[in-house]
Amino acid sequence: MKITEKEFNPLTGEETITEREESKQEKTERQAFEALNAKRKADAEARAEAKAAAQAKLTALGLTVEDLQALGL
């Protein structure tokens, strides 16, 4: 993966742009970050599905979240 770096010198107003290949460490860190994000997304989707299933069960029983709160559940 190419990395683009910009360097700006405020004294001269000069901007330097360089492109380089990512290092092995940067690649490892990027891949770990992407894996963590994928896991977080999967966890969030699983929680949303579980919440929807619970809501569907409550609806089938004719109950609301407020009813459960009133019962102390």
Protein backbone atom coordinates (compact mmCIF):
# COMPACT_ATOMS: atom_id res chain seq x y z
CA MET A 1 0.00 0.00 0.00
CA LYS A 2 1.33 3.42 -0.86
CA ILE A 3 1.54 6.10 1.81
CA THR A 4 1.42 9.75 0.80
CA GLU A 5 3.08 12.19 3.18
CA LYS A 6 2.75 15.96 3.04
CA GLU A 7 5.20 18.26 4.71
CA PHE A 8 4.52 21.99 4.89
CA ASN A 9 7.15 24.59 5.79
CA PRO A 10 5.31 27.65 7.14
CA LEU A 11 8.40 29.84 6.84
CA THR A 12 8.85 29.33 3.13
CA GLY A 13 5.30 28.29 2.24
CA GLU A 14 6.77 25.26 0.50
CA GLU A 15 4.84 21.99 0.47
CA THR A 16 6.61 18.70 -0.14
CA ILE A 17 4.64 15.59 -1.10
CA THR A 18 6.28 12.17 -1.05
CA GLU A 19 4.93 8.70 -1.77
CA ARG A 20 6.38 5.53 -0.33
CA GLU A 21 5.52 1.91 0.34
CA GLU A 22 4.37 1.12 3.86
CA SER A 23 6.85 -0.63 6.13
CA LYS A 24 6.29 -4.14 7.51
CA GLN A 25 5.40 -2.69 10.90
CA GLU A 26 2.90 -0.24 9.37
CA LYS A 27 1.35 -3.06 7.36
CA THR A 28 1.03 -5.25 10.46
CA GLU A 29 -0.54 -2.39 12.44
CA ARG A 30 -2.97 -1.58 9.61
CA GLN A 31 -4.04 -5.21 9.30
CA ALA A 32 -4.54 -5.50 13.07
CA PHE A 33 -6.61 -2.30 13.04
CA GLU A 34 -8.75 -3.59 10.16
CA ALA A 35 -9.30 -6.92 11.96
CA LEU A 36 -10.31 -5.12 15.15
CA ASN A 37 -12.77 -2.95 13.22
CA ALA A 38 -14.26 -6.01 11.53
CA LYS A 39 -14.71 -7.71 14.92
CA ARG A 40 -16.34 -4.62 16.41
CA LYS A 41 -18.71 -4.39 13.45
CA ALA A 42 -19.66 -8.07 13.76
CA ASP A 43 -20.24 -7.65 17.51
CA ALA A 44 -22.43 -4.60 16.95
CA GLU A 45 -24.46 -6.44 14.32
CA ALA A 46 -24.91 -9.43 16.65
CA ARG A 47 -26.10 -7.14 19.46
CA ALA A 48 -28.56 -5.43 17.09
CA GLU A 49 -29.92 -8.80 15.94
CA ALA A 50 -30.30 -9.99 19.55
CA LYS A 51 -32.10 -6.77 20.47
CA ALA A 52 -34.44 -7.11 17.48
CA ALA A 53 -35.19 -10.73 18.40
CA ALA A 54 -35.94 -9.77 22.00
CA GLN A 55 -38.19 -6.93 20.82
CA ALA A 56 -40.02 -9.34 18.50
CA LYS A 57 -40.63 -11.75 21.39
CA LEU A 58 -41.97 -8.93 23.55
CA THR A 59 -44.25 -7.79 20.75
CA ALA A 60 -45.52 -11.35 20.26
CA LEU A 61 -46.40 -11.45 23.96
CA GLY A 62 -48.05 -8.05 23.74
CA LEU A 63 -45.53 -6.43 26.10
CA THR A 64 -43.48 -3.27 25.84
CA VAL A 65 -40.16 -2.30 27.38
CA GLU A 66 -42.09 -0.02 29.72
CA ASP A 67 -44.15 -3.02 30.91
CA LEU A 68 -40.96 -4.88 31.77
CA GLN A 69 -39.55 -1.85 33.57
CA ALA A 70 -42.75 -1.55 35.57
CA LEU A 71 -42.36 -5.21 36.57
CA GLY A 72 -38.76 -4.56 37.57
CA LEU A 73 -37.27 -6.83 34.92
